[in-house]
């Protein structure tokens, strides 16, 4: 099983999510970012970067995250990205429709575009577990693999194993916030599949 570390900046929702026993069993370190030291990543295989971290503090440790990836590490990034810190990031902020399912002919807009990818083929996730709402999309460069697109363009979830020596798993979804805030049941299903996948599944 891969050694997983998660960054944490004091957000109550994150604390609830990452200390929940069924998820915490996969987490070897919960790293408070004000105490971060690059040596903490020495034995880490996967670093999870939650949504809504304290940005000024987080940005000071981004160079260490890039070095971690360049050593072959796996970086997971959740949620909207107002700062340009992910390699070859091309982020488009979009208006969030929190109540799309109340509309006639409701369509979340999500499209599963890589059904043969191990995260889906091996049963870790399905499209229902990834469906609540979205905050924007990423526009990908050649070599990156989108797993879920929006119907009007852009990727909601992708894997990038070409921009660095490591692997980046990036999504605009923010299950860490919603599960910890007791809001959006699908996020629990997402995390129940996502953590086993990054712990022991085939990533690319």
N, C-alpha and C. Protein backbone atom coordinates (compact mmCIF):
# COMPACT_ATOMS: atom_id res chain seq x y z
N UNK A 1 0.84 -1.20 0.00
CA UNK A 1 0.00 0.00 0.00
C UNK A 1 0.88 1.25 0.00
N UNK A 2 0.49 2.25 -0.75
CA UNK A 2 1.27 3.47 -0.83
C UNK A 2 1.16 4.27 0.47
N UNK A 3 2.23 4.95 0.80
CA UNK A 3 2.27 5.82 1.97
C UNK A 3 1.66 7.17 1.58
N UNK A 4 0.56 7.54 2.23
CA UNK A 4 -0.20 8.74 1.86
C UNK A 4 -0.08 9.80 2.96
N UNK A 5 0.22 11.02 2.56
CA UNK A 5 0.20 12.17 3.46
C UNK A 5 -0.82 13.18 2.94
N UNK A 6 -1.44 13.90 3.86
CA UNK A 6 -2.45 14.90 3.52
C UNK A 6 -2.08 16.22 4.18
N UNK A 7 -2.11 17.31 3.43
CA UNK A 7 -1.90 18.63 4.00
C UNK A 7 -3.18 19.11 4.70
N UNK A 8 -2.98 19.96 5.70
CA UNK A 8 -4.11 20.41 6.53
C UNK A 8 -3.77 21.79 7.06
N UNK A 9 -4.75 22.73 6.99
CA UNK A 9 -4.45 24.09 7.46
C UNK A 9 -5.41 24.56 8.55
N UNK A 10 -6.09 23.63 9.20
CA UNK A 10 -6.93 24.00 10.33
C UNK A 10 -8.41 24.07 10.02
N UNK A 11 -8.80 23.77 8.78
CA UNK A 11 -10.20 23.82 8.37
C UNK A 11 -10.97 22.69 9.06
N UNK A 12 -12.06 23.03 9.74
CA UNK A 12 -12.82 22.02 10.48
C UNK A 12 -13.35 20.92 9.57
N UNK A 13 -13.80 21.29 8.37
CA UNK A 13 -14.31 20.29 7.44
C UNK A 13 -13.23 19.29 7.06
N UNK A 14 -12.02 19.77 6.84
CA UNK A 14 -10.92 18.87 6.51
C UNK A 14 -10.60 17.95 7.68
N UNK A 15 -10.62 18.50 8.86
CA UNK A 15 -10.31 17.67 10.04
C UNK A 15 -11.31 16.53 10.14
N UNK A 16 -12.57 16.84 9.94
CA UNK A 16 -13.59 15.79 10.02
C UNK A 16 -13.37 14.74 8.92
N UNK A 17 -13.08 15.19 7.71
CA UNK A 17 -12.89 14.25 6.60
C UNK A 17 -11.69 13.34 6.83
N UNK A 18 -10.56 13.93 7.15
CA UNK A 18 -9.33 13.15 7.16
C UNK A 18 -9.08 12.41 8.46
N UNK A 19 -9.90 12.65 9.48
CA UNK A 19 -9.83 11.85 10.70
C UNK A 19 -10.96 10.84 10.79
N UNK A 20 -11.89 10.87 9.83
CA UNK A 20 -12.92 9.83 9.75
C UNK A 20 -12.23 8.47 9.59
N UNK A 21 -12.48 7.52 10.49
CA UNK A 21 -11.71 6.27 10.48
C UNK A 21 -11.64 5.55 9.14
N UNK A 22 -12.73 5.52 8.38
CA UNK A 22 -12.69 4.76 7.13
C UNK A 22 -11.80 5.41 6.08
N UNK A 23 -11.48 6.70 6.25
CA UNK A 23 -10.52 7.35 5.36
C UNK A 23 -9.14 7.44 6.03
N UNK A 24 -9.14 7.69 7.32
CA UNK A 24 -7.87 7.84 8.05
C UNK A 24 -7.02 6.58 8.00
N UNK A 25 -7.65 5.42 7.81
CA UNK A 25 -6.88 4.17 7.75
C UNK A 25 -5.90 4.17 6.58
N UNK A 26 -6.13 5.02 5.59
CA UNK A 26 -5.24 5.09 4.44
C UNK A 26 -4.19 6.19 4.57
N UNK A 27 -4.29 7.01 5.60
CA UNK A 27 -3.45 8.21 5.72
C UNK A 27 -2.38 7.98 6.79
N UNK A 28 -1.13 8.05 6.38
CA UNK A 28 -0.03 7.87 7.33
C UNK A 28 0.35 9.17 8.04
N UNK A 29 0.17 10.30 7.36
CA UNK A 29 0.50 11.60 7.96
C UNK A 29 -0.57 12.63 7.61
N UNK A 30 -1.03 13.37 8.61
CA UNK A 30 -1.85 14.56 8.40
C UNK A 30 -0.96 15.73 8.78
N UNK A 31 -0.50 16.47 7.78
CA UNK A 31 0.55 17.47 7.99
C UNK A 31 -0.06 18.87 8.09
N UNK A 32 0.05 19.48 9.25
CA UNK A 32 -0.38 20.87 9.42
C UNK A 32 0.61 21.76 8.67
N UNK A 33 0.12 22.57 7.74
CA UNK A 33 1.04 23.23 6.81
C UNK A 33 1.95 24.25 7.49
N UNK A 34 1.56 24.79 8.63
CA UNK A 34 2.46 25.73 9.32
C UNK A 34 3.64 25.00 9.95
N UNK A 35 3.50 23.68 10.12
CA UNK A 35 4.60 22.88 10.66
C UNK A 35 5.33 22.11 9.56
N UNK A 36 4.99 22.37 8.32
CA UNK A 36 5.54 21.59 7.21
C UNK A 36 7.05 21.71 7.13
N UNK A 37 7.68 20.58 6.93
CA UNK A 37 9.11 20.50 6.63
C UNK A 37 9.26 19.50 5.49
N UNK A 38 10.06 19.83 4.51
CA UNK A 38 10.18 18.97 3.34
C UNK A 38 10.61 17.55 3.70
N UNK A 39 11.35 17.42 4.80
CA UNK A 39 11.79 16.09 5.23
C UNK A 39 10.61 15.18 5.57
N UNK A 40 9.45 15.78 5.87
CA UNK A 40 8.26 14.97 6.17
C UNK A 40 7.81 14.14 4.98
N UNK A 41 8.26 14.51 3.79
CA UNK A 41 7.85 13.80 2.57
C UNK A 41 8.83 12.71 2.17
N UNK A 42 9.84 12.48 2.98
CA UNK A 42 10.91 11.56 2.59
C UNK A 42 10.39 10.17 2.25
N UNK A 43 9.44 9.67 3.02
CA UNK A 43 8.92 8.31 2.80
C UNK A 43 7.51 8.30 2.23
N UNK A 44 7.06 9.44 1.74
CA UNK A 44 5.69 9.57 1.23
C UNK A 44 5.64 9.19 -0.25
N UNK A 45 4.60 8.46 -0.62
CA UNK A 45 4.37 8.12 -2.02
C UNK A 45 3.33 9.04 -2.66
N UNK A 46 2.30 9.41 -1.88
CA UNK A 46 1.19 10.22 -2.39
C UNK A 46 0.96 11.39 -1.45
N UNK A 47 0.92 12.59 -2.00
CA UNK A 47 0.61 13.79 -1.21
C UNK A 47 -0.72 14.35 -1.68
N UNK A 48 -1.68 14.45 -0.76
CA UNK A 48 -3.00 14.98 -1.08
C UNK A 48 -3.06 16.45 -0.68
N UNK A 49 -3.41 17.30 -1.63
CA UNK A 49 -3.56 18.74 -1.41
C UNK A 49 -5.05 19.06 -1.44
N UNK A 50 -5.67 19.30 -0.28
CA UNK A 50 -7.12 19.55 -0.24
C UNK A 50 -7.49 20.90 -0.86
N UNK A 51 -8.77 21.07 -1.06
CA UNK A 51 -9.30 22.37 -1.47
C UNK A 51 -9.27 23.32 -0.27
N UNK A 52 -9.29 24.61 -0.55
CA UNK A 52 -9.48 25.64 0.47
C UNK A 52 -8.42 25.64 1.57
N UNK A 53 -7.18 25.34 1.20
CA UNK A 53 -6.09 25.54 2.14
C UNK A 53 -5.85 27.03 2.33
N UNK A 54 -5.13 27.37 3.40
CA UNK A 54 -4.74 28.77 3.61
C UNK A 54 -3.69 29.12 2.56
N UNK A 55 -4.10 29.90 1.55
CA UNK A 55 -3.28 30.09 0.36
C UNK A 55 -1.91 30.72 0.62
N UNK A 56 -1.80 31.82 1.39
CA UNK A 56 -0.47 32.39 1.57
C UNK A 56 0.53 31.40 2.16
N UNK A 57 0.08 30.58 3.10
CA UNK A 57 0.97 29.58 3.68
C UNK A 57 1.24 28.46 2.69
N UNK A 58 0.19 28.01 2.03
CA UNK A 58 0.36 26.91 1.08
C UNK A 58 1.35 27.27 -0.02
N UNK A 59 1.28 28.48 -0.54
CA UNK A 59 2.14 28.85 -1.66
C UNK A 59 3.62 28.82 -1.29
N UNK A 60 3.93 28.96 -0.01
CA UNK A 60 5.33 28.91 0.41
C UNK A 60 5.91 27.50 0.31
N UNK A 61 5.04 26.48 0.29
CA UNK A 61 5.55 25.11 0.24
C UNK A 61 5.39 24.48 -1.14
N UNK A 62 4.84 25.23 -2.09
CA UNK A 62 4.67 24.69 -3.44
C UNK A 62 5.99 24.22 -4.06
N UNK A 63 7.11 24.95 -3.91
CA UNK A 63 8.36 24.43 -4.48
C UNK A 63 8.73 23.05 -3.95
N UNK A 64 8.46 22.80 -2.68
CA UNK A 64 8.74 21.48 -2.11
C UNK A 64 7.84 20.41 -2.72
N UNK A 65 6.59 20.79 -3.02
CA UNK A 65 5.68 19.84 -3.66
C UNK A 65 6.17 19.50 -5.07
N UNK A 66 6.67 20.49 -5.79
CA UNK A 66 7.20 20.23 -7.12
C UNK A 66 8.43 19.33 -7.06
N UNK A 67 9.27 19.54 -6.07
CA UNK A 67 10.45 18.67 -5.92
C UNK A 67 10.01 17.24 -5.60
N UNK A 68 8.98 17.12 -4.77
CA UNK A 68 8.43 15.80 -4.45
C UNK A 68 7.96 15.10 -5.72
N UNK A 69 7.23 15.81 -6.57
CA UNK A 69 6.77 15.22 -7.83
C UNK A 69 7.94 14.87 -8.74
N UNK A 70 8.94 15.72 -8.78
CA UNK A 70 10.09 15.47 -9.64
C UNK A 70 10.89 14.25 -9.19
N UNK A 71 10.72 13.86 -7.93
CA UNK A 71 11.35 12.63 -7.43
C UNK A 71 10.49 11.40 -7.73
N UNK A 72 9.37 11.60 -8.41
CA UNK A 72 8.50 10.48 -8.75
C UNK A 72 7.27 10.36 -7.89
N UNK A 73 7.02 11.33 -7.02
CA UNK A 73 5.86 11.27 -6.14
C UNK A 73 4.55 11.52 -6.87
N UNK A 74 3.47 11.13 -6.21
CA UNK A 74 2.11 11.33 -6.72
C UNK A 74 1.49 12.49 -5.96
N UNK A 75 0.97 13.47 -6.67
CA UNK A 75 0.31 14.62 -6.06
C UNK A 75 -1.15 14.61 -6.46
N UNK A 76 -2.04 14.68 -5.46
CA UNK A 76 -3.48 14.77 -5.69
C UNK A 76 -3.91 16.18 -5.34
N UNK A 77 -4.65 16.84 -6.22
CA UNK A 77 -5.14 18.19 -5.96
C UNK A 77 -6.66 18.21 -6.10
N UNK A 78 -7.34 18.64 -5.02
CA UNK A 78 -8.79 18.76 -5.02
C UNK A 78 -9.22 20.21 -5.19
N UNK A 79 -10.32 20.42 -5.89
CA UNK A 79 -11.04 21.68 -5.84
C UNK A 79 -10.59 22.75 -6.82
N UNK A 80 -11.28 23.91 -6.78
CA UNK A 80 -10.92 25.04 -7.63
C UNK A 80 -9.48 25.49 -7.36
N UNK A 81 -8.84 26.04 -8.39
CA UNK A 81 -7.44 26.43 -8.26
C UNK A 81 -7.25 27.90 -8.64
N UNK A 82 -7.44 28.80 -7.68
CA UNK A 82 -7.29 30.23 -7.98
C UNK A 82 -5.85 30.66 -8.20
N UNK A 83 -4.90 29.83 -7.76
CA UNK A 83 -3.48 30.14 -7.98
C UNK A 83 -2.90 29.14 -8.97
N UNK A 84 -1.97 29.61 -9.77
CA UNK A 84 -1.39 28.79 -10.83
C UNK A 84 -0.17 28.04 -10.29
N UNK A 85 -0.40 26.91 -9.64
CA UNK A 85 0.71 26.17 -9.01
C UNK A 85 0.88 24.76 -9.56
N UNK A 86 -0.11 24.25 -10.28
CA UNK A 86 -0.04 22.90 -10.83
C UNK A 86 0.68 22.96 -12.18
N UNK A 87 1.59 22.02 -12.47
CA UNK A 87 2.32 22.08 -13.75
C UNK A 87 1.37 22.14 -14.95
N UNK A 88 1.65 23.06 -15.84
CA UNK A 88 0.86 23.24 -17.06
C UNK A 88 -0.63 23.42 -16.77
N UNK A 89 -0.89 24.08 -15.67
CA UNK A 89 -2.28 24.32 -15.26
C UNK A 89 -2.95 25.31 -16.22
N UNK A 90 -4.13 24.94 -16.66
CA UNK A 90 -4.92 25.85 -17.51
C UNK A 90 -6.35 25.79 -16.98
N UNK A 91 -6.61 26.59 -15.97
CA UNK A 91 -7.85 26.54 -15.19
C UNK A 91 -8.85 27.58 -15.68
N UNK A 92 -10.08 27.16 -15.84
CA UNK A 92 -11.16 28.08 -16.20
C UNK A 92 -12.23 28.05 -15.11
N UNK A 93 -12.40 29.15 -14.43
CA UNK A 93 -13.45 29.26 -13.41
C UNK A 93 -14.80 29.39 -14.10
N UNK A 94 -15.78 28.61 -13.62
CA UNK A 94 -17.13 28.69 -14.17
C UNK A 94 -18.13 28.88 -13.04
N UNK A 95 -19.26 29.45 -13.38
CA UNK A 95 -20.32 29.62 -12.40
C UNK A 95 -20.81 28.25 -11.94
N UNK A 96 -21.02 28.11 -10.64
CA UNK A 96 -21.48 26.84 -10.08
C UNK A 96 -23.00 26.83 -9.98
N UNK A 97 -23.60 25.79 -10.53
CA UNK A 97 -25.04 25.58 -10.41
C UNK A 97 -25.26 24.52 -9.34
N UNK A 98 -25.56 24.97 -8.12
CA UNK A 98 -25.71 24.04 -7.00
C UNK A 98 -26.99 23.22 -7.08
N UNK A 99 -27.95 23.66 -7.89
CA UNK A 99 -29.27 23.04 -7.88
C UNK A 99 -29.68 22.51 -9.25
N UNK A 100 -28.71 22.06 -10.04
CA UNK A 100 -28.99 21.61 -11.39
C UNK A 100 -29.99 20.45 -11.42
N UNK A 101 -30.00 19.62 -10.36
CA UNK A 101 -30.88 18.44 -10.40
C UNK A 101 -32.35 18.78 -10.23
N UNK A 102 -32.65 20.03 -9.91
CA UNK A 102 -34.04 20.46 -9.79
C UNK A 102 -34.60 20.94 -11.13
N UNK A 103 -33.75 21.03 -12.14
CA UNK A 103 -34.18 21.54 -13.43
C UNK A 103 -34.83 20.43 -14.26
N UNK A 104 -35.73 20.81 -15.14
CA UNK A 104 -36.35 19.85 -16.06
C UNK A 104 -35.27 19.21 -16.94
N UNK A 105 -35.33 17.89 -17.08
CA UNK A 105 -34.32 17.20 -17.87
C UNK A 105 -32.93 17.34 -17.29
N UNK A 106 -32.84 17.29 -15.98
CA UNK A 106 -31.59 17.57 -15.26
C UNK A 106 -30.40 16.79 -15.83
N UNK A 107 -29.32 17.50 -16.06
CA UNK A 107 -28.09 16.91 -16.60
C UNK A 107 -26.93 17.61 -15.91
N UNK A 108 -26.14 16.85 -15.18
CA UNK A 108 -25.00 17.42 -14.47
C UNK A 108 -23.95 17.98 -15.42
N UNK A 109 -23.94 17.48 -16.64
CA UNK A 109 -22.93 17.90 -17.61
C UNK A 109 -21.68 17.04 -17.59
N UNK A 110 -21.55 16.14 -16.61
CA UNK A 110 -20.37 15.28 -16.54
C UNK A 110 -20.43 14.18 -17.59
N UNK A 111 -19.28 13.90 -18.19
CA UNK A 111 -19.18 12.84 -19.18
C UNK A 111 -17.96 11.98 -18.88
N UNK A 112 -18.19 10.70 -18.65
CA UNK A 112 -17.11 9.76 -18.41
C UNK A 112 -16.43 9.47 -19.75
N UNK A 113 -15.17 9.88 -19.88
CA UNK A 113 -14.49 9.78 -21.18
C UNK A 113 -13.38 8.73 -21.19
N UNK A 114 -13.12 8.09 -20.06
CA UNK A 114 -12.07 7.07 -20.00
C UNK A 114 -12.56 5.86 -19.21
N UNK A 115 -13.62 5.19 -19.70
CA UNK A 115 -14.20 4.07 -18.93
C UNK A 115 -13.24 2.91 -18.72
N UNK A 116 -12.19 2.81 -19.54
CA UNK A 116 -11.23 1.72 -19.40
C UNK A 116 -10.10 2.06 -18.43
N UNK A 117 -10.11 3.29 -17.90
CA UNK A 117 -9.08 3.63 -16.92
C UNK A 117 -9.29 2.79 -15.67
N UNK A 118 -8.21 2.38 -15.00
CA UNK A 118 -8.34 1.50 -13.83
C UNK A 118 -9.25 2.02 -12.72
N UNK A 119 -9.32 3.33 -12.53
CA UNK A 119 -10.16 3.84 -11.45
C UNK A 119 -11.62 3.48 -11.67
N UNK A 120 -12.03 3.37 -12.93
CA UNK A 120 -13.40 2.96 -13.26
C UNK A 120 -13.48 1.46 -13.56
N UNK A 121 -12.57 0.98 -14.38
CA UNK A 121 -12.60 -0.42 -14.80
C UNK A 121 -12.47 -1.36 -13.61
N UNK A 122 -11.66 -0.99 -12.62
CA UNK A 122 -11.44 -1.84 -11.45
C UNK A 122 -12.43 -1.56 -10.33
N UNK A 123 -13.41 -0.71 -10.58
CA UNK A 123 -14.53 -0.54 -9.67
C UNK A 123 -14.34 0.40 -8.50
N UNK A 124 -13.31 1.24 -8.54
CA UNK A 124 -13.11 2.18 -7.44
C UNK A 124 -14.15 3.31 -7.47
N UNK A 125 -14.40 3.86 -8.65
CA UNK A 125 -15.35 4.96 -8.81
C UNK A 125 -16.28 4.68 -9.98
N UNK A 126 -17.43 5.36 -9.96
CA UNK A 126 -18.31 5.43 -11.13
C UNK A 126 -18.77 6.87 -11.27
N UNK A 127 -19.48 7.16 -12.33
CA UNK A 127 -19.84 8.55 -12.59
C UNK A 127 -20.76 9.11 -11.51
N UNK A 128 -21.62 8.26 -10.92
CA UNK A 128 -22.53 8.74 -9.88
C UNK A 128 -21.76 9.23 -8.66
N UNK A 129 -20.67 8.55 -8.32
CA UNK A 129 -19.88 8.95 -7.15
C UNK A 129 -19.11 10.24 -7.38
N UNK A 130 -19.04 10.68 -8.63
CA UNK A 130 -18.31 11.91 -8.98
C UNK A 130 -19.26 13.07 -9.27
N UNK A 131 -20.54 12.88 -9.03
CA UNK A 131 -21.54 13.85 -9.47
C UNK A 131 -22.15 14.58 -8.29
N UNK A 132 -21.80 15.86 -8.15
CA UNK A 132 -22.55 16.79 -7.28
C UNK A 132 -22.61 18.14 -7.97
N UNK A 133 -21.52 18.89 -8.04
CA UNK A 133 -21.49 20.11 -8.84
C UNK A 133 -20.04 20.38 -9.20
N UNK A 134 -19.81 21.37 -10.01
CA UNK A 134 -18.44 21.69 -10.41
C UNK A 134 -18.22 23.19 -10.33
N UNK A 135 -16.95 23.56 -10.14
CA UNK A 135 -16.59 24.97 -9.98
C UNK A 135 -15.82 25.51 -11.18
N UNK A 136 -15.49 24.64 -12.11
CA UNK A 136 -14.71 25.05 -13.26
C UNK A 136 -14.11 23.84 -13.92
N UNK A 137 -13.24 24.07 -14.88
CA UNK A 137 -12.61 22.97 -15.62
C UNK A 137 -11.14 23.29 -15.88
N UNK A 138 -10.41 22.25 -16.25
CA UNK A 138 -9.05 22.39 -16.73
C UNK A 138 -9.02 22.08 -18.22
N UNK A 139 -8.22 22.83 -18.95
CA UNK A 139 -7.99 22.56 -20.36
C UNK A 139 -6.60 21.92 -20.47
N UNK A 140 -6.56 20.72 -21.01
CA UNK A 140 -5.37 19.88 -20.90
C UNK A 140 -4.42 20.04 -22.08
N UNK A 141 -3.15 19.77 -21.79
CA UNK A 141 -2.13 19.73 -22.83
C UNK A 141 -1.95 18.30 -23.31
N UNK A 142 -1.26 18.14 -24.43
CA UNK A 142 -1.02 16.82 -25.00
C UNK A 142 -0.34 15.91 -23.99
N UNK A 143 -0.82 14.68 -23.93
CA UNK A 143 -0.23 13.69 -23.04
C UNK A 143 -0.96 13.51 -21.73
N UNK A 144 -1.71 14.52 -21.31
CA UNK A 144 -2.53 14.39 -20.11
C UNK A 144 -3.77 13.56 -20.43
N UNK A 145 -4.27 12.84 -19.44
CA UNK A 145 -5.42 11.96 -19.66
C UNK A 145 -6.62 12.44 -18.87
N UNK A 146 -7.64 12.88 -19.57
CA UNK A 146 -8.88 13.26 -18.89
C UNK A 146 -9.69 12.01 -18.59
N UNK A 147 -10.22 11.95 -17.39
CA UNK A 147 -11.09 10.84 -16.99
C UNK A 147 -12.55 11.23 -17.05
N UNK A 148 -12.85 12.49 -16.68
CA UNK A 148 -14.21 13.02 -16.75
C UNK A 148 -14.15 14.40 -17.38
N UNK A 149 -14.94 14.63 -18.41
CA UNK A 149 -15.08 15.93 -19.05
C UNK A 149 -16.43 16.55 -18.71
N UNK A 150 -16.54 17.85 -18.95
CA UNK A 150 -17.84 18.50 -18.98
C UNK A 150 -18.34 18.49 -20.42
N UNK A 151 -19.64 18.42 -20.59
CA UNK A 151 -20.22 18.27 -21.93
C UNK A 151 -19.89 19.46 -22.84
N UNK A 152 -19.63 20.62 -22.25
CA UNK A 152 -19.31 21.80 -23.05
C UNK A 152 -17.82 22.11 -23.05
N UNK A 153 -17.02 21.10 -22.74
CA UNK A 153 -15.57 21.26 -22.85
C UNK A 153 -14.87 21.39 -21.52
N UNK A 154 -13.64 20.93 -21.48
CA UNK A 154 -12.82 21.01 -20.28
C UNK A 154 -12.91 19.75 -19.45
N UNK A 155 -11.87 19.52 -18.66
CA UNK A 155 -11.77 18.32 -17.85
C UNK A 155 -12.10 18.60 -16.39
N UNK A 156 -12.83 17.68 -15.79
CA UNK A 156 -13.19 17.75 -14.38
C UNK A 156 -12.23 16.93 -13.51
N UNK A 157 -11.64 15.91 -14.13
CA UNK A 157 -10.73 15.00 -13.43
C UNK A 157 -9.74 14.47 -14.45
N UNK A 158 -8.43 14.64 -14.15
CA UNK A 158 -7.43 14.16 -15.10
C UNK A 158 -6.20 13.64 -14.39
N UNK A 159 -5.42 12.88 -15.14
CA UNK A 159 -4.14 12.35 -14.67
C UNK A 159 -3.05 12.87 -15.60
N UNK A 160 -1.98 13.38 -14.99
CA UNK A 160 -0.86 13.94 -15.76
C UNK A 160 0.42 13.23 -15.33
N UNK A 161 0.95 12.39 -16.20
CA UNK A 161 2.22 11.74 -15.91
C UNK A 161 3.29 12.15 -16.92
N UNK A 162 3.10 13.31 -17.53
CA UNK A 162 4.06 13.78 -18.54
C UNK A 162 4.74 15.10 -18.16
N UNK A 163 4.13 15.90 -17.30
CA UNK A 163 4.67 17.23 -17.01
C UNK A 163 5.86 17.19 -16.06
N UNK A 164 5.93 16.15 -15.23
CA UNK A 164 7.03 15.98 -14.28
C UNK A 164 7.42 14.51 -14.27
N UNK A 165 8.37 14.17 -13.41
CA UNK A 165 8.75 12.76 -13.26
C UNK A 165 7.74 11.98 -12.43
N UNK A 166 6.80 12.69 -11.82
CA UNK A 166 5.78 12.05 -11.00
C UNK A 166 4.44 12.00 -11.70
N UNK A 167 3.39 11.81 -10.89
CA UNK A 167 2.03 11.72 -11.40
C UNK A 167 1.16 12.71 -10.65
N UNK A 168 0.37 13.47 -11.40
CA UNK A 168 -0.57 14.43 -10.82
C UNK A 168 -1.99 13.97 -11.11
N UNK A 169 -2.78 13.85 -10.05
CA UNK A 169 -4.20 13.51 -10.17
C UNK A 169 -4.96 14.75 -9.73
N UNK A 170 -5.62 15.40 -10.67
CA UNK A 170 -6.17 16.73 -10.44
C UNK A 170 -7.66 16.73 -10.74
N UNK A 171 -8.44 17.29 -9.83
CA UNK A 171 -9.87 17.40 -10.05
C UNK A 171 -10.41 18.72 -9.51
N UNK A 172 -11.40 19.24 -10.18
CA UNK A 172 -12.08 20.44 -9.68
C UNK A 172 -13.07 20.09 -8.57
N UNK A 173 -13.33 18.80 -8.37
CA UNK A 173 -14.25 18.37 -7.32
C UNK A 173 -13.65 18.62 -5.95
N UNK A 174 -14.51 18.85 -4.96
CA UNK A 174 -14.06 19.17 -3.61
C UNK A 174 -14.74 18.29 -2.56
N UNK A 175 -14.56 16.96 -2.66
CA UNK A 175 -15.23 16.05 -1.72
C UNK A 175 -14.75 16.23 -0.29
N UNK A 176 -13.51 16.64 -0.12
CA UNK A 176 -12.95 16.86 1.22
C UNK A 176 -13.75 17.90 1.99
N UNK A 177 -14.14 18.98 1.31
CA UNK A 177 -14.92 20.03 1.96
C UNK A 177 -16.35 19.57 2.24
N UNK A 178 -16.99 18.96 1.26
CA UNK A 178 -18.41 18.65 1.40
C UNK A 178 -18.67 17.51 2.38
N UNK A 179 -17.84 16.46 2.34
CA UNK A 179 -18.03 15.40 3.33
C UNK A 179 -17.83 15.95 4.74
N UNK A 180 -16.78 16.74 4.91
CA UNK A 180 -16.50 17.31 6.23
C UNK A 180 -17.51 18.32 6.69
N UNK A 181 -18.30 18.85 5.76
CA UNK A 181 -19.35 19.82 6.09
C UNK A 181 -20.73 19.17 6.16
N UNK A 182 -20.77 17.84 6.09
CA UNK A 182 -22.04 17.10 6.18
C UNK A 182 -23.00 17.50 5.06
N UNK A 183 -22.44 17.69 3.85
CA UNK A 183 -23.25 18.20 2.75
C UNK A 183 -22.81 17.52 1.46
N UNK A 184 -23.70 16.93 0.74
CA UNK A 184 -23.51 16.23 -0.52
C UNK A 184 -23.13 14.76 -0.29
N UNK A 185 -24.13 13.87 -0.20
CA UNK A 185 -23.86 12.45 0.08
C UNK A 185 -22.94 11.78 -0.93
N UNK A 186 -22.96 12.22 -2.19
CA UNK A 186 -22.10 11.58 -3.20
C UNK A 186 -20.63 11.69 -2.85
N UNK A 187 -20.27 12.72 -2.09
CA UNK A 187 -18.86 12.90 -1.77
C UNK A 187 -18.33 11.79 -0.89
N UNK A 188 -19.19 11.21 -0.06
CA UNK A 188 -18.77 10.07 0.76
C UNK A 188 -18.46 8.87 -0.12
N UNK A 189 -19.32 8.62 -1.11
CA UNK A 189 -19.07 7.53 -2.05
C UNK A 189 -17.78 7.77 -2.83
N UNK A 190 -17.55 9.02 -3.21
CA UNK A 190 -16.32 9.34 -3.93
C UNK A 190 -15.10 8.98 -3.09
N UNK A 191 -15.07 9.45 -1.85
CA UNK A 191 -13.90 9.22 -1.00
C UNK A 191 -13.75 7.75 -0.64
N UNK A 192 -14.86 7.03 -0.51
CA UNK A 192 -14.79 5.60 -0.22
C UNK A 192 -14.11 4.82 -1.35
N UNK A 193 -14.20 5.33 -2.57
CA UNK A 193 -13.50 4.70 -3.68
C UNK A 193 -12.15 5.30 -3.97
N UNK A 194 -12.04 6.61 -3.77
CA UNK A 194 -10.82 7.32 -4.16
C UNK A 194 -9.63 6.92 -3.29
N UNK A 195 -9.82 6.85 -1.98
CA UNK A 195 -8.69 6.52 -1.11
C UNK A 195 -8.14 5.12 -1.37
N UNK A 196 -8.99 4.09 -1.50
CA UNK A 196 -8.43 2.78 -1.86
C UNK A 196 -7.69 2.79 -3.20
N UNK A 197 -8.19 3.59 -4.14
CA UNK A 197 -7.52 3.67 -5.44
C UNK A 197 -6.12 4.26 -5.32
N UNK A 198 -5.99 5.41 -4.67
CA UNK A 198 -4.65 6.01 -4.58
C UNK A 198 -3.75 5.22 -3.64
N UNK A 199 -4.34 4.42 -2.75
CA UNK A 199 -3.53 3.62 -1.84
C UNK A 199 -2.96 2.38 -2.51
N UNK A 200 -3.74 1.74 -3.37
CA UNK A 200 -3.28 0.45 -3.89
C UNK A 200 -3.65 0.18 -5.34
N UNK A 201 -4.40 1.08 -5.98
CA UNK A 201 -4.83 0.85 -7.35
C UNK A 201 -3.79 1.26 -8.38
N UNK A 202 -4.06 0.89 -9.62
CA UNK A 202 -3.22 1.33 -10.74
C UNK A 202 -3.63 2.74 -11.11
N UNK A 203 -2.68 3.66 -11.13
CA UNK A 203 -2.99 5.08 -11.29
C UNK A 203 -3.01 5.54 -12.74
N UNK A 204 -2.23 4.91 -13.59
CA UNK A 204 -2.18 5.32 -15.00
C UNK A 204 -2.33 4.11 -15.90
